[in-house]
Structure formats: structure tokens, C-alpha cells
Protein backbone atom coordinates (compact mmCIF):
# COMPACT_ATOMS: atom_id res chain seq x y z
CA MET A 1 0.00 0.00 0.00
CA ALA A 2 1.40 3.38 -1.02
CA SER A 3 1.31 6.36 1.29
CA VAL A 4 0.08 9.65 -0.19
CA LEU A 5 0.62 13.02 1.48
CA ILE A 6 -1.55 15.95 0.41
CA VAL A 7 -0.27 19.36 1.50
CA TYR A 8 -2.45 22.36 0.72
CA TYR A 9 -3.15 25.98 1.57
CA SER A 10 -6.69 27.35 1.44
CA ARG A 11 -8.08 30.72 2.42
CA SER A 12 -11.62 30.53 1.05
CA GLY A 13 -12.12 26.77 1.48
CA ASN A 14 -12.08 25.97 -2.26
CA THR A 15 -8.61 24.41 -2.27
CA LYS A 16 -9.45 22.54 0.94
CA ALA A 17 -12.51 21.04 -0.78
CA MET A 18 -10.32 19.99 -3.70
CA ALA A 19 -7.84 18.36 -1.29
CA GLY A 20 -10.70 16.31 0.13
CA SER A 21 -11.65 15.02 -3.32
CA VAL A 22 -8.01 14.22 -4.14
CA ALA A 23 -7.79 12.27 -0.86
CA GLN A 24 -10.99 10.39 -1.68
CA GLY A 25 -9.58 9.26 -5.02
CA ALA A 26 -6.30 8.13 -3.46
CA GLU A 27 -8.11 6.22 -0.70
CA GLU A 28 -10.40 4.52 -3.24
CA ALA A 29 -7.25 3.40 -5.08
CA GLY A 30 -6.03 1.74 -1.88
CA ALA A 31 -3.53 4.30 -0.60
CA GLN A 32 -2.92 5.34 2.96
CA VAL A 33 -3.65 9.08 2.81
CA THR A 34 -2.60 11.96 5.02
CA VAL A 35 -4.04 15.41 4.36
CA LYS A 36 -2.38 18.41 5.99
CA LYS A 37 -2.83 22.14 5.82
CA VAL A 38 0.55 23.62 5.01
CA SER A 39 0.59 25.25 8.46
CA GLU A 40 0.42 21.74 10.02
CA ALA A 41 2.91 20.10 7.66
CA SER A 42 6.65 19.81 7.95
CA PRO A 43 9.14 19.12 5.18
CA ASP A 44 10.02 16.05 7.28
CA ASP A 45 6.62 14.63 6.23
CA LEU A 46 7.90 14.40 2.64
CA ILE A 47 10.46 11.74 3.56
CA ALA A 48 7.89 9.24 4.85
CA ALA A 49 5.47 9.55 1.91
CA ASP A 50 5.62 7.53 -1.30
CA ALA A 51 3.73 10.31 -3.09
CA VAL A 52 3.10 14.00 -2.47
CA ILE A 53 0.37 16.18 -3.95
CA PHE A 54 0.46 19.95 -3.48
CA GLY A 55 -2.64 22.16 -3.68
CA SER A 56 -2.77 25.94 -3.71
CA PRO A 57 -4.93 28.88 -4.58
CA THR A 58 -3.44 31.18 -7.20
CA TYR A 59 -1.65 34.32 -6.02
CA TYR A 60 -0.46 36.51 -8.89
CA GLY A 61 -0.17 33.46 -11.12
CA LEU A 62 1.86 31.51 -8.57
CA PRO A 63 1.25 29.26 -5.55
CA ALA A 64 0.37 30.92 -2.25
CA PRO A 65 3.41 32.32 -0.39
CA LYS A 66 2.85 29.91 2.54
CA LEU A 67 3.14 26.92 0.19
CA LEU A 68 6.19 28.44 -1.52
CA ASP A 69 7.76 28.87 1.92
CA PHE A 70 7.10 25.17 2.65
CA ILE A 71 8.77 24.23 -0.63
CA GLU A 72 11.73 26.49 0.19
CA LYS A 73 12.15 24.68 3.53
CA SER A 74 12.07 21.32 1.71
CA VAL A 75 15.39 22.17 0.07
CA ARG A 76 17.17 20.50 2.99
CA TYR A 77 15.95 17.19 1.53
CA HIS A 78 17.21 17.92 -1.97
CA GLY A 79 18.28 14.62 -3.53
CA ARG A 80 16.48 12.50 -0.92
CA LEU A 81 13.02 12.70 -2.51
CA GLU A 82 14.01 11.35 -5.90
CA GLY A 83 11.71 8.69 -7.32
CA LYS A 84 8.63 9.63 -5.30
CA VAL A 85 5.42 10.38 -7.20
CA GLY A 86 4.03 13.90 -7.27
CA GLY A 87 1.05 15.90 -8.43
CA ALA A 88 -0.57 19.31 -8.04
CA PHE A 89 -3.90 21.15 -8.17
CA ALA A 90 -4.98 24.77 -7.93
CA SER A 91 -7.91 27.11 -7.56
CA SER A 92 -8.49 30.73 -8.52
CA ALA A 93 -11.20 33.36 -8.64
CA ASN A 94 -11.11 33.89 -12.41
CA VAL A 95 -10.94 31.79 -15.57
CA GLY A 96 -7.71 33.55 -16.59
CA GLY A 97 -6.56 33.71 -12.99
CA GLY A 98 -3.35 31.70 -13.33
CA ASN A 99 -4.47 28.20 -12.38
CA GLU A 100 -2.23 26.42 -14.88
CA THR A 101 0.80 28.57 -14.06
CA THR A 102 0.27 27.75 -10.39
CA VAL A 103 0.07 24.01 -11.10
CA ILE A 104 3.16 24.20 -13.34
CA ALA A 105 5.12 26.06 -10.63
CA LEU A 106 4.27 23.30 -8.13
CA ILE A 107 5.21 20.60 -10.64
CA GLN A 108 8.51 22.37 -11.33
CA ALA A 109 9.39 22.18 -7.63
CA LEU A 110 8.49 18.49 -7.58
CA LEU A 111 10.62 17.82 -10.67
CA ILE A 112 13.60 19.64 -9.18
CA HIS A 113 13.33 17.29 -6.20
CA GLY A 114 13.31 14.33 -8.62
CA PHE A 115 9.64 13.40 -8.29
CA ILE A 116 7.89 11.46 -11.04
CA VAL A 117 4.87 13.45 -12.26
CA GLN A 118 2.31 11.71 -14.46
CA GLY A 119 0.31 13.83 -16.88
CA ASN A 120 -3.30 13.19 -17.78
CA PRO A 121 -4.12 12.74 -21.48
CA SER A 122 -7.76 13.72 -20.84
CA GLY A 123 -9.30 16.42 -18.69
CA ASP A 124 -6.97 18.74 -16.81
CA HIS A 125 -3.62 17.67 -18.28
CA TYR A 126 -1.28 19.17 -15.66
CA GLY A 127 -3.55 18.82 -12.65
CA PRO A 128 -7.08 19.76 -11.63
CA VAL A 129 -8.03 23.43 -11.54
CA SER A 130 -11.11 25.12 -10.15
CA VAL A 131 -12.54 28.57 -10.73
CA GLY A 132 -14.29 29.36 -7.49
CA LYS A 133 -16.03 26.57 -5.61
CA PRO A 134 -15.26 23.13 -7.09
CA ASP A 135 -18.11 21.77 -9.17
CA ALA A 136 -18.82 18.12 -10.03
CA ARG A 137 -16.33 18.16 -12.95
CA VAL A 138 -13.53 19.50 -10.75
CA GLU A 139 -14.34 17.03 -7.97
CA GLY A 140 -14.09 14.19 -10.50
CA GLN A 141 -10.77 15.49 -11.83
CA CYS A 142 -9.46 15.73 -8.25
CA ARG A 143 -10.51 12.17 -7.45
CA GLU A 144 -8.84 11.03 -10.66
CA LEU A 145 -5.60 12.82 -9.71
CA GLY A 146 -5.59 11.12 -6.31
CA SER A 147 -6.28 7.75 -7.88
CA ARG A 148 -3.66 8.09 -10.61
CA VAL A 149 -0.95 9.23 -8.17
CA ALA A 150 -1.79 6.45 -5.69
CA LYS A 151 -1.78 3.75 -8.38
CA LEU A 152 1.52 4.92 -9.86
CA ALA A 153 3.10 5.11 -6.40
CA SER A 154 1.90 1.56 -5.67
CA ARG A 155 3.32 0.24 -8.93
CA LEU A 156 6.69 1.87 -8.30
CA LYS A 157 6.81 0.71 -4.69
CA THR A 158 6.63 -2.99 -5.60
């Protein structure tokens, strides 16, 4: 059984709702899931997880500063996270609000750490995005992200 860590920041509750759907998908795929607000997470948590999924609202086209600070603190584990599975999701207030650039920024950090990030040939290719409160489509994309990450982590773990 793979362990999946979901670390997110949410101010309005939209990203938190997405994190719950991601967790549901990972659990349904058989993973042991831990969901933490970034304020409750430590970079030490990254070591124990087989997979890590970051979630953030969009701030000026980038992840929230509190999540960027968490990533900055994770630098002490540079080289020790290689081969883990990663993923990302984001929310914003507007259609052109920077969701994809936020997801890409999170994926870039994961790639620099050596994570394996699986794209999605259908739906939200880089990771789920929501404009405002997540609707049924976004919830489904989030569950799919959780499931895909959990399944890939399980395959790589064996």
C-alpha cells in the first residue's frame, strides 16, 4: 500500500474542498492518505510519503506564499526525494486567474526534487483546476488525480 501526502493551503475553502476530493480518489485506489494544511505540515513529512500532492490557490499566477515557503524549507531534503510520485492542483477566482501557471510552478518544484509526475491525457492535463467553488467536474478530476498518483506510487513501490 502506497502512502500519499496531500499538502495544501486554502483561504476561502475551495482548495481545501479539492484536497478532500483528491484524498478520496487516493483512498479509493487503496492508498494510505494523510491530508495536511501547510501550516500543520513539515518538510520532514515528505520523507515518509511515497507520493506528495500539493494544492494551492493562485496568487499573482503563482502558488500561495505559505506553500512556496514550505517548498523552500524542503530544500534540505534535496536529492532525498528522488523517485517519489508527485502531483498538483490549484484554484483561482477567475478563468484567466493563473491556475495552470500555479500548477506548473508546483510541478517544477516536484521535478527539481526528482519526483515522477504523471500527466493526464484527458481532462486537466497538468492537474485539476477550479474557478471558485469546485463543481462536479472539478471534484471528479481531483478524485482522478488522487487515484492516478496512488496507483503509480503503488506500482513503483513494488
